[in-house]
């Protein structure tokens, strides 16, 4: 399953550089190990057009370590997409969708 999520520019940059290998979110979706997160960069006003597809490698939702209704996910980047022009979602004429994801020879998402 692919989950579409917003992400602020400073966190987006940290994810694509490899510095940030986790995502902390409200546990309001059926997140599972092996799912994909489509992290779409949003600066608070505009969608920048940058997106990153990451693989959920591990999920921690134990109430002893994580606040109730929150989840910590270990993530691994798969792909990064960039568009030249920032836009608002209302500017789009068609549905915003994530590119097709396939598995490579080693079973990794590409």
PDB file of N, CA and C in Angstrom:
ATOM      1  N   UNK A   1       0.846  -1.175   0.000  1.00  0.00           N
ATOM      2  CA  UNK A   1       0.000   0.000   0.000  1.00  0.00           C
ATOM      3  C   UNK A   1       0.895   1.242   0.000  1.00  0.00           C
ATOM      4  N   UNK A   2       0.458   2.269  -0.695  1.00  0.00           N
ATOM      5  CA  UNK A   2       1.180   3.540  -0.735  1.00  0.00           C
ATOM      6  C   UNK A   2       0.384   4.579   0.043  1.00  0.00           C
ATOM      7  N   UNK A   3       1.034   5.235   0.999  1.00  0.00           N
ATOM      8  CA  UNK A   3       0.417   6.283   1.806  1.00  0.00           C
ATOM      9  C   UNK A   3       0.977   7.632   1.360  1.00  0.00           C
ATOM     10  N   UNK A   4       0.120   8.544   0.915  1.00  0.00           N
ATOM     11  CA  UNK A   4       0.532   9.895   0.496  1.00  0.00           C
ATOM     12  C   UNK A   4       0.586  10.796   1.723  1.00  0.00           C
ATOM     13  N   UNK A   5       1.734  11.427   1.973  1.00  0.00           N
ATOM     14  CA  UNK A   5       1.906  12.281   3.143  1.00  0.00           C
ATOM     15  C   UNK A   5       2.619  13.576   2.773  1.00  0.00           C
ATOM     16  N   UNK A   6       2.298  14.649   3.504  1.00  0.00           N
ATOM     17  CA  UNK A   6       3.026  15.917   3.368  1.00  0.00           C
ATOM     18  C   UNK A   6       4.280  15.845   4.233  1.00  0.00           C
ATOM     19  N   UNK A   7       5.313  16.584   3.818  1.00  0.00           N
ATOM     20  CA  UNK A   7       6.528  16.683   4.622  1.00  0.00           C
ATOM     21  C   UNK A   7       7.129  18.068   4.410  1.00  0.00           C
ATOM     22  N   UNK A   8       7.580  18.683   5.494  1.00  0.00           N
ATOM     23  CA  UNK A   8       8.191  20.011   5.416  1.00  0.00           C
ATOM     24  C   UNK A   8       9.568  19.927   4.755  1.00  0.00           C
ATOM     25  N   UNK A   9      10.001  21.024   4.095  1.00  0.00           N
ATOM     26  CA  UNK A   9      11.266  21.003   3.351  1.00  0.00           C
ATOM     27  C   UNK A   9      12.486  20.550   4.158  1.00  0.00           C
ATOM     28  N   UNK A  10      12.625  21.002   5.409  1.00  0.00           N
ATOM     29  CA  UNK A  10      13.819  20.610   6.172  1.00  0.00           C
ATOM     30  C   UNK A  10      13.854  19.108   6.437  1.00  0.00           C
ATOM     31  N   UNK A  11      12.688  18.495   6.641  1.00  0.00           N
ATOM     32  CA  UNK A  11      12.641  17.051   6.861  1.00  0.00           C
ATOM     33  C   UNK A  11      12.784  16.292   5.542  1.00  0.00           C
ATOM     34  N   UNK A  12      12.221  16.851   4.476  1.00  0.00           N
ATOM     35  CA  UNK A  12      12.352  16.233   3.151  1.00  0.00           C
ATOM     36  C   UNK A  12      13.829  16.139   2.768  1.00  0.00           C
ATOM     37  N   UNK A  13      14.557  17.240   2.937  1.00  0.00           N
ATOM     38  CA  UNK A  13      15.991  17.253   2.590  1.00  0.00           C
ATOM     39  C   UNK A  13      16.763  16.232   3.415  1.00  0.00           C
ATOM     40  N   UNK A  14      16.406  16.113   4.699  1.00  0.00           N
ATOM     41  CA  UNK A  14      17.087  15.148   5.565  1.00  0.00           C
ATOM     42  C   UNK A  14      16.797  13.709   5.133  1.00  0.00           C
ATOM     43  N   UNK A  15      15.586  13.445   4.660  1.00  0.00           N
ATOM     44  CA  UNK A  15      15.241  12.100   4.185  1.00  0.00           C
ATOM     45  C   UNK A  15      16.027  11.770   2.922  1.00  0.00           C
ATOM     46  N   UNK A  16      16.014  12.663   1.930  1.00  0.00           N
ATOM     47  CA  UNK A  16      16.676  12.325   0.663  1.00  0.00           C
ATOM     48  C   UNK A  16      18.200  12.304   0.780  1.00  0.00           C
ATOM     49  N   UNK A  17      18.750  13.004   1.774  1.00  0.00           N
ATOM     50  CA  UNK A  17      20.201  12.958   1.974  1.00  0.00           C
ATOM     51  C   UNK A  17      20.621  11.700   2.735  1.00  0.00           C
ATOM     52  N   UNK A  18      19.650  11.006   3.334  1.00  0.00           N
ATOM     53  CA  UNK A  18      19.960   9.814   4.118  1.00  0.00           C
ATOM     54  C   UNK A  18      20.196  10.110   5.581  1.00  0.00           C
ATOM     55  N   UNK A  19      20.188  11.394   5.955  1.00  0.00           N
ATOM     56  CA  UNK A  19      20.412  11.783   7.347  1.00  0.00           C
ATOM     57  C   UNK A  19      19.246  11.349   8.247  1.00  0.00           C
ATOM     58  N   UNK A  20      18.027  11.392   7.729  1.00  0.00           N
ATOM     59  CA  UNK A  20      16.826  11.031   8.499  1.00  0.00           C
ATOM     60  C   UNK A  20      16.311   9.693   7.977  1.00  0.00           C
ATOM     61  N   UNK A  21      16.338   8.674   8.830  1.00  0.00           N
ATOM     62  CA  UNK A  21      15.935   7.331   8.410  1.00  0.00           C
ATOM     63  C   UNK A  21      14.699   6.843   9.165  1.00  0.00           C
ATOM     64  N   UNK A  22      13.906   7.784   9.656  1.00  0.00           N
ATOM     65  CA  UNK A  22      12.694   7.436  10.392  1.00  0.00           C
ATOM     66  C   UNK A  22      11.628   8.484  10.119  1.00  0.00           C
ATOM     67  N   UNK A  23      10.400   8.132  10.368  1.00  0.00           N
ATOM     68  CA  UNK A  23       9.284   9.059  10.226  1.00  0.00           C
ATOM     69  C   UNK A  23       8.369   8.853  11.424  1.00  0.00           C
ATOM     70  N   UNK A  24       8.015   9.946  12.100  1.00  0.00           N
ATOM     71  CA  UNK A  24       7.102   9.897  13.242  1.00  0.00           C
ATOM     72  C   UNK A  24       5.784  10.501  12.788  1.00  0.00           C
ATOM     73  N   UNK A  25       4.713   9.743  12.924  1.00  0.00           N
ATOM     74  CA  UNK A  25       3.405  10.178  12.436  1.00  0.00           C
ATOM     75  C   UNK A  25       2.301   9.762  13.391  1.00  0.00           C
ATOM     76  N   UNK A  26       1.136  10.423  13.217  1.00  0.00           N
ATOM     77  CA  UNK A  26      -0.072   9.958  13.891  1.00  0.00           C
ATOM     78  C   UNK A  26      -0.393   8.584  13.329  1.00  0.00           C
ATOM     79  N   UNK A  27      -0.810   7.698  14.187  1.00  0.00           N
ATOM     80  CA  UNK A  27      -1.149   6.347  13.737  1.00  0.00           C
ATOM     81  C   UNK A  27      -2.614   6.320  13.292  1.00  0.00           C
ATOM     82  N   UNK A  28      -2.917   7.097  12.249  1.00  0.00           N
ATOM     83  CA  UNK A  28      -4.288   7.250  11.764  1.00  0.00           C
ATOM     84  C   UNK A  28      -4.533   6.520  10.442  1.00  0.00           C
ATOM     85  N   UNK A  29      -3.590   5.677  10.054  1.00  0.00           N
ATOM     86  CA  UNK A  29      -3.696   4.905   8.814  1.00  0.00           C
ATOM     87  C   UNK A  29      -3.223   3.484   9.101  1.00  0.00           C
ATOM     88  N   UNK A  30      -3.556   2.565   8.237  1.00  0.00           N
ATOM     89  CA  UNK A  30      -3.101   1.185   8.457  1.00  0.00           C
ATOM     90  C   UNK A  30      -1.663   0.972   7.968  1.00  0.00           C
ATOM     91  N   UNK A  31      -0.689   1.592   8.647  1.00  0.00           N
ATOM     92  CA  UNK A  31       0.712   1.430   8.266  1.00  0.00           C
ATOM     93  C   UNK A  31       1.161  -0.004   8.554  1.00  0.00           C
ATOM     94  N   UNK A  32       1.928  -0.568   7.620  1.00  0.00           N
ATOM     95  CA  UNK A  32       2.479  -1.909   7.797  1.00  0.00           C
ATOM     96  C   UNK A  32       3.893  -1.949   7.238  1.00  0.00           C
ATOM     97  N   UNK A  33       4.724  -2.818   7.825  1.00  0.00           N
ATOM     98  CA  UNK A  33       6.054  -3.047   7.273  1.00  0.00           C
ATOM     99  C   UNK A  33       5.889  -3.484   5.819  1.00  0.00           C
ATOM    100  N   UNK A  34       6.689  -2.903   4.942  1.00  0.00           N
ATOM    101  CA  UNK A  34       6.614  -3.223   3.523  1.00  0.00           C
ATOM    102  C   UNK A  34       5.791  -2.228   2.725  1.00  0.00           C
ATOM    103  N   UNK A  35       4.992  -1.397   3.418  1.00  0.00           N
ATOM    104  CA  UNK A  35       4.242  -0.345   2.727  1.00  0.00           C
ATOM    105  C   UNK A  35       5.201   0.732   2.245  1.00  0.00           C
ATOM    106  N   UNK A  36       4.705   1.597   1.378  1.00  0.00           N
ATOM    107  CA  UNK A  36       5.474   2.726   0.874  1.00  0.00           C
ATOM    108  C   UNK A  36       4.836   4.027   1.337  1.00  0.00           C
ATOM    109  N   UNK A  37       5.683   5.013   1.631  1.00  0.00           N
ATOM    110  CA  UNK A  37       5.223   6.364   1.936  1.00  0.00           C
ATOM    111  C   UNK A  37       5.635   7.258   0.777  1.00  0.00           C
ATOM    112  N   UNK A  38       4.689   7.971   0.206  1.00  0.00           N
ATOM    113  CA  UNK A  38       4.992   8.982  -0.805  1.00  0.00           C
ATOM    114  C   UNK A  38       5.072  10.299  -0.048  1.00  0.00           C
ATOM    115  N   UNK A  39       6.289  10.751   0.249  1.00  0.00           N
ATOM    116  CA  UNK A  39       6.506  11.981   1.009  1.00  0.00           C
ATOM    117  C   UNK A  39       6.568  13.141   0.027  1.00  0.00           C
ATOM    118  N   UNK A  40       5.551  13.994   0.056  1.00  0.00           N
ATOM    119  CA  UNK A  40       5.417  15.117  -0.874  1.00  0.00           C
ATOM    120  C   UNK A  40       5.771  16.409  -0.153  1.00  0.00           C
ATOM    121  N   UNK A  41       6.832  17.066  -0.624  1.00  0.00           N
ATOM    122  CA  UNK A  41       7.335  18.275   0.035  1.00  0.00           C
ATOM    123  C   UNK A  41       6.311  19.409  -0.047  1.00  0.00           C
ATOM    124  N   UNK A  42       6.015  19.986   1.117  1.00  0.00           N
ATOM    125  CA  UNK A  42       5.022  21.058   1.242  1.00  0.00           C
ATOM    126  C   UNK A  42       5.607  22.126   2.153  1.00  0.00           C
ATOM    127  N   UNK A  43       5.664  23.378   1.680  1.00  0.00           N
ATOM    128  CA  UNK A  43       6.305  24.438   2.467  1.00  0.00           C
ATOM    129  C   UNK A  43       5.336  25.202   3.367  1.00  0.00           C
ATOM    130  N   UNK A  44       4.131  24.698   3.533  1.00  0.00           N
ATOM    131  CA  UNK A  44       3.135  25.374   4.350  1.00  0.00           C
ATOM    132  C   UNK A  44       2.131  26.142   3.515  1.00  0.00           C
ATOM    133  N   UNK A  45       2.513  26.461   2.278  1.00  0.00           N
ATOM    134  CA  UNK A  45       1.629  27.168   1.367  1.00  0.00           C
ATOM    135  C   UNK A  45       1.553  26.466   0.011  1.00  0.00           C
ATOM    136  N   UNK A  46       2.691  25.981  -0.459  1.00  0.00           N
ATOM    137  CA  UNK A  46       2.773  25.357  -1.784  1.00  0.00           C
ATOM    138  C   UNK A  46       3.348  23.951  -1.690  1.00  0.00           C
ATOM    139  N   UNK A  47       2.882  23.083  -2.601  1.00  0.00           N
ATOM    140  CA  UNK A  47       3.549  21.817  -2.855  1.00  0.00           C
ATOM    141  C   UNK A  47       4.725  22.184  -3.752  1.00  0.00           C
ATOM    142  N   UNK A  48       5.923  21.814  -3.379  1.00  0.00           N
ATOM    143  CA  UNK A  48       7.100  22.222  -4.147  1.00  0.00           C
ATOM    144  C   UNK A  48       7.253  21.434  -5.441  1.00  0.00           C
ATOM    145  N   UNK A  49       6.601  20.299  -5.536  1.00  0.00           N
ATOM    146  CA  UNK A  49       6.771  19.424  -6.692  1.00  0.00           C
ATOM    147  C   UNK A  49       7.784  18.327  -6.440  1.00  0.00           C
ATOM    148  N   UNK A  50       8.463  18.366  -5.296  1.00  0.00           N
ATOM    149  CA  UNK A  50       9.427  17.330  -4.947  1.00  0.00           C
ATOM    150  C   UNK A  50       8.725  16.237  -4.153  1.00  0.00           C
ATOM    151  N   UNK A  51       9.041  15.004  -4.469  1.00  0.00           N
ATOM    152  CA  UNK A  51       8.476  13.885  -3.724  1.00  0.00           C
ATOM    153  C   UNK A  51       9.510  12.779  -3.614  1.00  0.00           C
ATOM    154  N   UNK A  52       9.356  11.993  -2.585  1.00  0.00           N
ATOM    155  CA  UNK A  52      10.276  10.895  -2.325  1.00  0.00           C
ATOM    156  C   UNK A  52       9.445   9.683  -1.927  1.00  0.00           C
ATOM    157  N   UNK A  53       9.716   8.563  -2.524  1.00  0.00           N
ATOM    158  CA  UNK A  53       9.044   7.324  -2.179  1.00  0.00           C
ATOM    159  C   UNK A  53       9.965   6.549  -1.250  1.00  0.00           C
ATOM    160  N   UNK A  54       9.460   6.188  -0.068  1.00  0.00           N
ATOM    161  CA  UNK A  54      10.269   5.445   0.902  1.00  0.00           C
ATOM    162  C   UNK A  54       9.551   4.162   1.306  1.00  0.00           C
ATOM    163  N   UNK A  55      10.341   3.184   1.669  1.00  0.00           N
ATOM    164  CA  UNK A  55       9.875   1.860   2.074  1.00  0.00           C
ATOM    165  C   UNK A  55       9.854   1.807   3.601  1.00  0.00           C
ATOM    166  N   UNK A  56       8.759   1.318   4.198  1.00  0.00           N
ATOM    167  CA  UNK A  56       8.690   1.150   5.658  1.00  0.00           C
ATOM    168  C   UNK A  56       9.373  -0.166   6.004  1.00  0.00           C
ATOM    169  N   UNK A  57      10.482  -0.060   6.736  1.00  0.00           N
ATOM    170  CA  UNK A  57      11.292  -1.218   7.093  1.00  0.00           C
ATOM    171  C   UNK A  57      10.934  -1.774   8.474  1.00  0.00           C
ATOM    172  N   UNK A  58      10.458  -0.907   9.376  1.00  0.00           N
ATOM    173  CA  UNK A  58      10.131  -1.326  10.746  1.00  0.00           C
ATOM    174  C   UNK A  58       9.149  -0.322  11.335  1.00  0.00           C
ATOM    175  N   UNK A  59       8.243  -0.795  12.182  1.00  0.00           N
ATOM    176  CA  UNK A  59       7.266   0.079  12.834  1.00  0.00           C
ATOM    177  C   UNK A  59       7.324  -0.129  14.336  1.00  0.00           C
ATOM    178  N   UNK A  60       7.437   0.983  15.069  1.00  0.00           N
ATOM    179  CA  UNK A  60       7.389   0.953  16.533  1.00  0.00           C
ATOM    180  C   UNK A  60       6.152   1.721  16.972  1.00  0.00           C
ATOM    181  N   UNK A  61       5.217   1.019  17.610  1.00  0.00           N
ATOM    182  CA  UNK A  61       4.005   1.672  18.100  1.00  0.00           C
ATOM    183  C   UNK A  61       3.686   1.252  19.534  1.00  0.00           C
ATOM    184  N   UNK A  62       4.688   0.747  20.231  1.00  0.00           N
ATOM    185  CA  UNK A  62       4.547   0.303  21.611  1.00  0.00           C
ATOM    186  C   UNK A  62       4.317   1.507  22.520  1.00  0.00           C
ATOM    187  N   UNK A  63       3.203   1.521  23.242  1.00  0.00           N
ATOM    188  CA  UNK A  63       2.824   2.653  24.097  1.00  0.00           C
ATOM    189  C   UNK A  63       3.849   2.930  25.195  1.00  0.00           C
ATOM    190  N   UNK A  64       4.685   1.972  25.505  1.00  0.00           N
ATOM    191  CA  UNK A  64       5.724   2.177  26.519  1.00  0.00           C
ATOM    192  C   UNK A  64       6.805   3.144  26.019  1.00  0.00           C
ATOM    193  N   UNK A  65       6.994   3.210  24.697  1.00  0.00           N
ATOM    194  CA  UNK A  65       8.057   4.030  24.118  1.00  0.00           C
ATOM    195  C   UNK A  65       7.566   5.177  23.242  1.00  0.00           C
ATOM    196  N   UNK A  66       6.349   5.065  22.730  1.00  0.00           N
ATOM    197  CA  UNK A  66       5.806   6.049  21.794  1.00  0.00           C
ATOM    198  C   UNK A  66       4.474   6.557  22.335  1.00  0.00           C
ATOM    199  N   UNK A  67       4.225   7.867  22.193  1.00  0.00           N
ATOM    200  CA  UNK A  67       2.953   8.427  22.650  1.00  0.00           C
ATOM    201  C   UNK A  67       1.774   7.687  22.030  1.00  0.00           C
ATOM    202  N   UNK A  68       0.674   7.663  22.779  1.00  0.00           N
ATOM    203  CA  UNK A  68      -0.546   7.025  22.288  1.00  0.00           C
ATOM    204  C   UNK A  68      -0.949   7.652  20.948  1.00  0.00           C
ATOM    205  N   UNK A  69      -1.407   6.837  20.042  1.00  0.00           N
ATOM    206  CA  UNK A  69      -1.854   7.254  18.709  1.00  0.00           C
ATOM    207  C   UNK A  69      -0.724   7.773  17.817  1.00  0.00           C
ATOM    208  N   UNK A  70       0.529   7.476  18.156  1.00  0.00           N
ATOM    209  CA  UNK A  70       1.668   7.858  17.326  1.00  0.00           C
ATOM    210  C   UNK A  70       2.413   6.591  16.909  1.00  0.00           C
ATOM    211  N   UNK A  71       3.227   6.729  15.873  1.00  0.00           N
ATOM    212  CA  UNK A  71       4.005   5.603  15.371  1.00  0.00           C
ATOM    213  C   UNK A  71       5.358   6.120  14.878  1.00  0.00           C
ATOM    214  N   UNK A  72       6.405   5.342  15.095  1.00  0.00           N
ATOM    215  CA  UNK A  72       7.734   5.647  14.566  1.00  0.00           C
ATOM    216  C   UNK A  72       8.039   4.575  13.526  1.00  0.00           C
ATOM    217  N   UNK A  73       8.379   5.017  12.316  1.00  0.00           N
ATOM    218  CA  UNK A  73       8.657   4.075  11.233  1.00  0.00           C
ATOM    219  C   UNK A  73      10.096   4.233  10.755  1.00  0.00           C
ATOM    220  N   UNK A  74      10.806   3.137  10.670  1.00  0.00           N
ATOM    221  CA  UNK A  74      12.124   3.124  10.048  1.00  0.00           C
ATOM    222  C   UNK A  74      11.885   3.104   8.543  1.00  0.00           C
ATOM    223  N   UNK A  75      12.537   4.024   7.812  1.00  0.00           N
ATOM    224  CA  UNK A  75      12.286   4.151   6.372  1.00  0.00           C
ATOM    225  C   UNK A  75      13.576   4.067   5.565  1.00  0.00           C
ATOM    226  N   UNK A  76      13.426   3.623   4.322  1.00  0.00           N
ATOM    227  CA  UNK A  76      14.540   3.566   3.373  1.00  0.00           C
ATOM    228  C   UNK A  76      14.078   4.195   2.067  1.00  0.00           C
ATOM    229  N   UNK A  77      14.791   5.228   1.575  1.00  0.00           N
ATOM    230  CA  UNK A  77      14.391   5.872   0.318  1.00  0.00           C
ATOM    231  C   UNK A  77      14.438   4.910  -0.866  1.00  0.00           C
ATOM    232  N   UNK A  78      13.461   5.055  -1.753  1.00  0.00           N
ATOM    233  CA  UNK A  78      13.408   4.258  -2.991  1.00  0.00           C
ATOM    234  C   UNK A  78      13.680   5.144  -4.197  1.00  0.00           C
ATOM    235  N   UNK A  79      12.899   6.231  -4.322  1.00  0.00           N
ATOM    236  CA  UNK A  79      13.042   7.137  -5.461  1.00  0.00           C
ATOM    237  C   UNK A  79      12.792   8.567  -5.017  1.00  0.00           C
ATOM    238  N   UNK A  80      13.356   9.506  -5.767  1.00  0.00           N
ATOM    239  CA  UNK A  80      13.116  10.928  -5.536  1.00  0.00           C
ATOM    240  C   UNK A  80      12.671  11.526  -6.861  1.00  0.00           C
ATOM    241  N   UNK A  81      11.611  12.333  -6.819  1.00  0.00           N
ATOM    242  CA  UNK A  81      11.096  12.995  -8.023  1.00  0.00           C
ATOM    243  C   UNK A  81      11.096  14.492  -7.788  1.00  0.00           C
ATOM    244  N   UNK A  82      11.457  15.243  -8.827  1.00  0.00           N
ATOM    245  CA  UNK A  82      11.458  16.703  -8.725  1.00  0.00           C
ATOM    246  C   UNK A  82      10.700  17.284  -9.908  1.00  0.00           C
ATOM    247  N   UNK A  83       9.917  18.311  -9.633  1.00  0.00           N
ATOM    248  CA  UNK A  83       9.204  19.049 -10.673  1.00  0.00           C
ATOM    249  C   UNK A  83       9.706  20.481 -10.616  1.00  0.00           C
ATOM    250  N   UNK A  84       9.755  21.155 -11.740  1.00  0.00           N
ATOM    251  CA  UNK A  84      10.366  22.483 -11.793  1.00  0.00           C
ATOM    252  C   UNK A  84       9.528  23.586 -11.181  1.00  0.00           C
ATOM    253  N   UNK A  85       8.219  23.471 -11.202  1.00  0.00           N
ATOM    254  CA  UNK A  85       7.364  24.564 -10.766  1.00  0.00           C
ATOM    255  C   UNK A  85       6.591  24.202  -9.508  1.00  0.00           C
ATOM    256  N   UNK A  86       6.731  25.003  -8.427  1.00  0.00           N
ATOM    257  CA  UNK A  86       5.900  24.763  -7.242  1.00  0.00           C
ATOM    258  C   UNK A  86       4.428  24.961  -7.594  1.00  0.00           C
ATOM    259  N   UNK A  87       3.553  24.283  -6.895  1.00  0.00           N
ATOM    260  CA  UNK A  87       2.128  24.393  -7.193  1.00  0.00           C
ATOM    261  C   UNK A  87       1.296  24.158  -5.943  1.00  0.00           C
ATOM    262  N   UNK A  88       0.040  24.575  -6.020  1.00  0.00           N
ATOM    263  CA  UNK A  88      -0.936  24.266  -4.978  1.00  0.00           C
ATOM    264  C   UNK A  88      -1.761  23.094  -5.480  1.00  0.00           C
ATOM    265  N   UNK A  89      -2.242  22.267  -4.569  1.00  0.00           N
ATOM    266  CA  UNK A  89      -3.048  21.126  -4.992  1.00  0.00           C
ATOM    267  C   UNK A  89      -4.263  21.587  -5.787  1.00  0.00           C
ATOM    268  N   UNK A  90      -4.824  22.743  -5.449  1.00  0.00           N
ATOM    269  CA  UNK A  90      -6.006  23.242  -6.160  1.00  0.00           C
ATOM    270  C   UNK A  90      -5.686  23.616  -7.614  1.00  0.00           C
ATOM    271  N   UNK A  91      -4.387  23.794  -7.935  1.00  0.00           N
ATOM    272  CA  UNK A  91      -3.985  24.115  -9.307  1.00  0.00           C
ATOM    273  C   UNK A  91      -4.041  22.898 -10.232  1.00  0.00           C
ATOM    274  N   UNK A  92      -4.069  21.708  -9.652  1.00  0.00           N
ATOM    275  CA  UNK A  92      -4.035  20.494 -10.461  1.00  0.00           C
ATOM    276  C   UNK A  92      -5.381  20.223 -11.105  1.00  0.00           C
ATOM    277  N   UNK A  93      -5.349  19.828 -12.355  1.00  0.00           N
ATOM    278  CA  UNK A  93      -6.578  19.505 -13.083  1.00  0.00           C
ATOM    279  C   UNK A  93      -6.926  18.021 -12.927  1.00  0.00           C
ATOM    280  N   UNK A  94      -5.908  17.204 -12.716  1.00  0.00           N
ATOM    281  CA  UNK A  94      -6.107  15.761 -12.564  1.00  0.00           C
ATOM    282  C   UNK A  94      -5.697  15.350 -11.162  1.00  0.00           C
ATOM    283  N   UNK A  95      -6.044  14.126 -10.798  1.00  0.00           N
ATOM    284  CA  UNK A  95      -5.645  13.596  -9.500  1.00  0.00           C
ATOM    285  C   UNK A  95      -4.126  13.497  -9.433  1.00  0.00           C
ATOM    286  N   UNK A  96      -3.570  13.828  -8.274  1.00  0.00           N
ATOM    287  CA  UNK A  96      -2.139  13.682  -8.037  1.00  0.00           C
ATOM    288  C   UNK A  96      -1.886  12.225  -7.698  1.00  0.00           C
ATOM    289  N   UNK A  97      -0.996  11.586  -8.403  1.00  0.00           N
ATOM    290  CA  UNK A  97      -0.761  10.177  -8.134  1.00  0.00           C
ATOM    291  C   UNK A  97       0.731   9.889  -8.055  1.00  0.00           C
ATOM    292  N   UNK A  98       1.044   8.773  -7.447  1.00  0.00           N
ATOM    293  CA  UNK A  98       2.423   8.340  -7.259  1.00  0.00           C
ATOM    294  C   UNK A  98       2.830   7.480  -8.451  1.00  0.00           C
ATOM    295  N   UNK A  99       4.075   7.623  -8.928  1.00  0.00           N
ATOM    296  CA  UNK A  99       4.530   6.800 -10.046  1.00  0.00           C
ATOM    297  C   UNK A  99       4.475   5.309  -9.703  1.00  0.00           C
ATOM    298  N   UNK A 100       4.369   4.487 -10.713  1.00  0.00           N
ATOM    299  CA  UNK A 100       4.348   3.048 -10.532  1.00  0.00           C
ATOM    300  C   UNK A 100       5.655   2.592  -9.895  1.00  0.00           C
ATOM    301  N   UNK A 101       5.548   1.693  -8.947  1.00  0.00           N
ATOM    302  CA  UNK A 101       6.719   1.168  -8.252  1.00  0.00           C
ATOM    303  C   UNK A 101       6.850  -0.309  -8.595  1.00  0.00           C
ATOM    304  N   UNK A 102       8.062  -0.725  -8.915  1.00  0.00           N
ATOM    305  CA  UNK A 102       8.299  -2.130  -9.228  1.00  0.00           C
ATOM    306  C   UNK A 102       9.452  -2.641  -8.384  1.00  0.00           C
ATOM    307  N   UNK A 103       9.616  -3.940  -8.359  1.00  0.00           N
ATOM    308  CA  UNK A 103      10.721  -4.537  -7.615  1.00  0.00           C
ATOM    309  C   UNK A 103      11.856  -4.886  -8.570  1.00  0.00           C
ATOM    310  N   UNK A 104      13.089  -4.623  -8.117  1.00  0.00           N
ATOM    311  CA  UNK A 104      14.266  -4.947  -8.910  1.00  0.00           C
ATOM    312  C   UNK A 104      14.646  -6.412  -8.763  1.00  0.00           C
ATOM    313  N   UNK A 105      15.767  -6.788  -9.330  1.00  0.00           N
ATOM    314  CA  UNK A 105      16.223  -8.178  -9.306  1.00  0.00           C
ATOM    315  C   UNK A 105      16.455  -8.694  -7.893  1.00  0.00           C
ATOM    316  N   UNK A 106      16.881  -7.824  -6.980  1.00  0.00           N
ATOM    317  CA  UNK A 106      17.162  -8.218  -5.605  1.00  0.00           C
ATOM    318  C   UNK A 106      15.931  -8.109  -4.711  1.00  0.00           C
ATOM    319  N   UNK A 107      14.775  -7.776  -5.279  1.00  0.00           N
ATOM    320  CA  UNK A 107      13.551  -7.654  -4.499  1.00  0.00           C
ATOM    321  C   UNK A 107      13.337  -6.269  -3.930  1.00  0.00           C
ATOM    322  N   UNK A 108      14.273  -5.345  -4.193  1.00  0.00           N
ATOM    323  CA  UNK A 108      14.150  -3.987  -3.674  1.00  0.00           C
ATOM    324  C   UNK A 108      13.186  -3.191  -4.535  1.00  0.00           C
ATOM    325  N   UNK A 109      12.564  -2.184  -3.952  1.00  0.00           N
ATOM    326  CA  UNK A 109      11.676  -1.320  -4.719  1.00  0.00           C
ATOM    327  C   UNK A 109      12.508  -0.363  -5.557  1.00  0.00           C
ATOM    328  N   UNK A 110      12.142  -0.197  -6.821  1.00  0.00           N
ATOM    329  CA  UNK A 110      12.854   0.722  -7.716  1.00  0.00           C
ATOM    330  C   UNK A 110      11.865   1.619  -8.424  1.00  0.00           C
TER     331      UNK A 110
END
